[in-house]
C-alpha atoms as a PDB file:
ATOM      1  CA  MET A   1       7.886  -0.214 -33.333  1.00  0.00           C
ATOM      2  CA  ILE A   2       6.046  -2.374 -30.684  1.00  0.00           C
ATOM      3  CA  ASP A   3       2.457  -3.322 -31.655  1.00  0.00           C
ATOM      4  CA  ILE A   4       0.203  -1.789 -28.339  1.00  0.00           C
ATOM      5  CA  PRO A   5      -2.495  -4.132 -27.844  1.00  0.00           C
ATOM      6  CA  ASN A   6      -5.764  -2.961 -27.177  1.00  0.00           C
ATOM      7  CA  GLY A   7      -6.293  -2.499 -23.181  1.00  0.00           C
ATOM      8  CA  LEU A   8      -3.967  -1.645 -20.994  1.00  0.00           C
ATOM      9  CA  SER A   9       0.548  -2.138 -21.528  1.00  0.00           C
ATOM     10  CA  PHE A  10       3.611  -1.891 -19.801  1.00  0.00           C
ATOM     11  CA  ASP A  11       7.041  -1.986 -21.182  1.00  0.00           C
ATOM     12  CA  GLU A  12      10.709  -0.783 -20.299  1.00  0.00           C
ATOM     13  CA  THR A  13      12.335   2.260 -22.170  1.00  0.00           C
ATOM     14  CA  ASP A  14      15.858   3.310 -22.686  1.00  0.00           C
ATOM     15  CA  ASP A  15      14.060   5.970 -20.486  1.00  0.00           C
ATOM     16  CA  GLY A  16      12.694   4.302 -18.059  1.00  0.00           C
ATOM     17  CA  PHE A  17       9.080   2.797 -18.509  1.00  0.00           C
ATOM     18  CA  VAL A  18       5.843   3.583 -20.574  1.00  0.00           C
ATOM     19  CA  VAL A  19       2.000   2.499 -19.466  1.00  0.00           C
ATOM     20  CA  GLN A  20       0.098   2.537 -22.778  1.00  0.00           C
ATOM     21  CA  ARG A  21      -3.662   2.654 -22.997  1.00  0.00           C
ATOM     22  CA  LYS A  22      -4.824   1.893 -26.760  1.00  0.00           C
ATOM     23  CA  ASN A  23      -8.556   1.461 -27.294  1.00  0.00           C
ATOM     24  CA  ALA A  24     -10.900   0.152 -29.763  1.00  0.00           C
ATOM     25  CA  ASP A  25      -9.985   2.764 -32.296  1.00  0.00           C
ATOM     26  CA  GLY A  26      -7.055   2.723 -32.166  1.00  0.00           C
ATOM     27  CA  ILE A  27      -6.073   5.534 -29.760  1.00  0.00           C
ATOM     28  CA  VAL A  28      -3.255   4.996 -27.783  1.00  0.00           C
ATOM     29  CA  ALA A  29      -2.230   7.535 -24.310  1.00  0.00           C
ATOM     30  CA  SER A  30       1.191   7.234 -22.773  1.00  0.00           C
ATOM     31  CA  ILE A  31       2.536   7.545 -19.338  1.00  0.00           C
ATOM     32  CA  VAL A  32       6.545   7.436 -19.383  1.00  0.00           C
ATOM     33  CA  MET A  33       7.965   6.694 -15.406  1.00  0.00           C
ATOM     34  CA  SER A  34      10.970   6.523 -13.938  1.00  0.00           C
ATOM     35  CA  ALA A  35      11.816   3.313 -12.163  1.00  0.00           C
ATOM     36  CA  GLU A  36      11.441   5.233  -8.518  1.00  0.00           C
ATOM     37  CA  GLU A  37       7.903   6.357  -9.908  1.00  0.00           C
ATOM     38  CA  VAL A  38       7.443   3.165 -11.047  1.00  0.00           C
ATOM     39  CA  PHE A  39       7.433   1.925  -7.292  1.00  0.00           C
ATOM     40  CA  GLY A  40       5.781   4.559  -5.876  1.00  0.00           C
ATOM     41  CA  PHE A  41       2.667   3.251  -8.522  1.00  0.00           C
ATOM     42  CA  ARG A  42       3.181   0.259  -7.360  1.00  0.00           C
ATOM     43  CA  GLU A  43       2.052   1.450  -3.668  1.00  0.00           C
ATOM     44  CA  THR A  44      -0.609   3.428  -4.647  1.00  0.00           C
ATOM     45  CA  ILE A  45      -1.714   0.329  -6.457  1.00  0.00           C
ATOM     46  CA  ASP A  46      -1.632  -2.069  -3.730  1.00  0.00           C
ATOM     47  CA  PHE A  47      -3.247   0.914  -1.683  1.00  0.00           C
ATOM     48  CA  TRP A  48      -6.464   0.520  -3.854  1.00  0.00           C
ATOM     49  CA  ILE A  49      -6.230  -3.302  -4.419  1.00  0.00           C
ATOM     50  CA  ASP A  50      -6.397  -3.877  -0.556  1.00  0.00           C
ATOM     51  CA  ARG A  51      -9.395  -0.880  -0.313  1.00  0.00           C
ATOM     52  CA  ILE A  52     -11.250  -2.822  -3.462  1.00  0.00           C
ATOM     53  CA  LEU A  53     -11.318  -6.304  -1.441  1.00  0.00           C
ATOM     54  CA  SER A  54     -11.964  -5.181   1.416  1.00  0.00           C
ATOM     55  CA  ARG A  55     -15.298  -3.983   0.144  1.00  0.00           C
ATOM     56  CA  ARG A  56     -15.652  -7.492  -1.100  1.00  0.00           C
ATOM     57  CA  GLN A  57     -16.339  -9.146   2.557  1.00  0.00           C
ATOM     58  CA  ALA A  58     -15.811 -12.711   2.443  1.00  0.00           C
ATOM     59  CA  GLU A  59     -18.683 -15.472   3.348  1.00  0.00           C
ATOM     60  CA  SER A  60     -18.458 -16.936   6.910  1.00  0.00           C
ATOM     61  CA  GLY A  61     -15.936 -19.975   6.723  1.00  0.00           C
ATOM     62  CA  GLU A  62     -13.905 -18.480   3.810  1.00  0.00           C
ATOM     63  CA  VAL A  63     -10.313 -17.503   3.386  1.00  0.00           C
ATOM     64  CA  GLN A  64     -10.253 -13.232   3.442  1.00  0.00           C
ATOM     65  CA  PRO A  65      -6.969 -11.502   1.473  1.00  0.00           C
ATOM     66  CA  ILE A  66      -4.883 -10.252   3.936  1.00  0.00           C
ATOM     67  CA  ILE A  67      -2.402  -8.063   2.045  1.00  0.00           C
ATOM     68  CA  ALA A  68       0.259  -6.303   3.510  1.00  0.00           C
ATOM     69  CA  PHE A  69       2.643  -3.293   2.783  1.00  0.00           C
ATOM     70  CA  PRO A  70       6.268  -3.625   4.042  1.00  0.00           C
ATOM     71  CA  VAL A  71       7.082  -0.785   6.332  1.00  0.00           C
ATOM     72  CA  VAL A  72      10.868   0.273   6.723  1.00  0.00           C
ATOM     73  CA  GLN A  73       9.920   3.525   9.124  1.00  0.00           C
ATOM     74  CA  ALA A  74       7.520   4.617  11.144  1.00  0.00           C
ATOM     75  CA  ARG A  75       6.674   8.223  12.924  1.00  0.00           C
ATOM     76  CA  VAL A  76       3.928   8.899  15.379  1.00  0.00           C
ATOM     77  CA  LEU A  77       2.686  12.484  15.925  1.00  0.00           C
ATOM     78  CA  PRO A  78      -0.461  14.752  17.451  1.00  0.00           C
ATOM     79  CA  ASP A  79      -2.255  15.697  15.401  1.00  0.00           C
ATOM     80  CA  ALA A  80      -2.891  20.038  14.835  1.00  0.00           C
ATOM     81  CA  ILE A  81      -5.185  19.999  17.744  1.00  0.00           C
ATOM     82  CA  GLN A  82      -4.048  17.630  19.602  1.00  0.00           C
ATOM     83  CA  ALA A  83      -7.062  15.464  19.423  1.00  0.00           C
ATOM     84  CA  ASN A  84      -5.346  12.104  17.497  1.00  0.00           C
ATOM     85  CA  VAL A  85      -2.521  10.609  16.815  1.00  0.00           C
ATOM     86  CA  LEU A  86      -1.093  10.270  13.466  1.00  0.00           C
ATOM     87  CA  LEU A  87       0.992   7.841  12.334  1.00  0.00           C
ATOM     88  CA  THR A  88       3.195   7.907   9.289  1.00  0.00           C
ATOM     89  CA  THR A  89       4.696   4.763   7.621  1.00  0.00           C
ATOM     90  CA  ARG A  90       7.191   4.701   4.888  1.00  0.00           C
ATOM     91  CA  GLY A  91       7.631   2.100   2.387  1.00  0.00           C
ATOM     92  CA  PRO A  92      11.007   0.770   0.810  1.00  0.00           C
ATOM     93  CA  SER A  93      10.122   3.790  -2.204  1.00  0.00           C
ATOM     94  CA  GLY A  94       9.894   6.662   0.332  1.00  0.00           C
ATOM     95  CA  GLN A  95       6.191   6.720  -0.308  1.00  0.00           C
ATOM     96  CA  GLU A  96       4.228   7.836   3.009  1.00  0.00           C
ATOM     97  CA  ARG A  97       0.842   7.143   4.078  1.00  0.00           C
ATOM     98  CA  THR A  98      -0.812   8.433   7.359  1.00  0.00           C
ATOM     99  CA  MET A  99      -3.196   7.601   9.108  1.00  0.00           C
ATOM    100  CA  GLN A 100      -4.956   9.231  11.443  1.00  0.00           C
ATOM    101  CA  LEU A 101      -6.215   7.385  14.561  1.00  0.00           C
ATOM    102  CA  ALA A 102      -8.298   7.941  17.844  1.00  0.00           C
ATOM    103  CA  PRO A 103      -6.790   7.850  20.727  1.00  0.00           C
ATOM    104  CA  GLY A 104      -8.164   4.786  22.405  1.00  0.00           C
ATOM    105  CA  VAL A 105      -7.549   2.712  19.035  1.00  0.00           C
ATOM    106  CA  ALA A 106      -3.841   4.018  19.119  1.00  0.00           C
ATOM    107  CA  ARG A 107      -3.718   2.901  23.357  1.00  0.00           C
ATOM    108  CA  HIS A 108      -4.757  -0.628  21.778  1.00  0.00           C
ATOM    109  CA  ILE A 109      -2.343  -0.990  19.135  1.00  0.00           C
ATOM    110  CA  ALA A 110       0.407   0.150  21.187  1.00  0.00           C
ATOM    111  CA  THR A 111      -0.361  -2.442  23.657  1.00  0.00           C
ATOM    112  CA  GLU A 112      -1.242  -4.945  21.549  1.00  0.00           C
ATOM    113  CA  ILE A 113       2.366  -4.889  20.047  1.00  0.00           C
ATOM    114  CA  ASP A 114       3.788  -5.064  23.067  1.00  0.00           C
ATOM    115  CA  ASP A 115       2.272  -8.227  23.908  1.00  0.00           C
ATOM    116  CA  LEU A 116       2.951  -9.431  20.389  1.00  0.00           C
ATOM    117  CA  LEU A 117       7.110  -8.344  20.903  1.00  0.00           C
ATOM    118  CA  LEU A 118       7.088  -9.837  24.486  1.00  0.00           C
ATOM    119  CA  ARG A 119       5.731 -12.903  23.029  1.00  0.00           C
ATOM    120  CA  PHE A 120       8.574 -13.132  20.461  1.00  0.00           C
ATOM    121  CA  GLU A 121      10.895 -12.411  22.815  1.00  0.00           C
ATOM    122  CA  GLY A 122       9.721 -14.723  24.843  1.00  0.00           C
ATOM    123  CA  GLY A 123       9.847 -17.527  22.115  1.00  0.00           C
ATOM    124  CA  ARG A 124       6.098 -17.701  22.367  1.00  0.00           C
ATOM    125  CA  GLN A 125       4.356 -18.754  19.026  1.00  0.00           C
ATOM    126  CA  TYR A 126       1.262 -15.968  18.393  1.00  0.00           C
ATOM    127  CA  SER A 127      -2.413 -18.093  18.629  1.00  0.00           C
END
């Protein structure tokens, strides 16, 4: 039997993976996950790390962390009342995130992406 330390542990099992938490009283709570669930959980953790770090603004002149989420697919749709743009991205694990963008923000992003791609095609460096 594996000795579970106090706090969180993460291990591979014959059936997948298990996250366990042992408190000071020795009580253990376990969550068994498949490999697909681990990938989805990782994306969720990355999302929350981004939110936590964004709350901690660096002082002027300090380096700020940039967290990038890999995207393998994206689609753009209108919202139900056709007032905003919905941008849905899908990561390698299949996990999706949807952002609601005001039309002006969506237009700005589209222009910025187009300009950046033109720079890539022209071989110019981004500055």
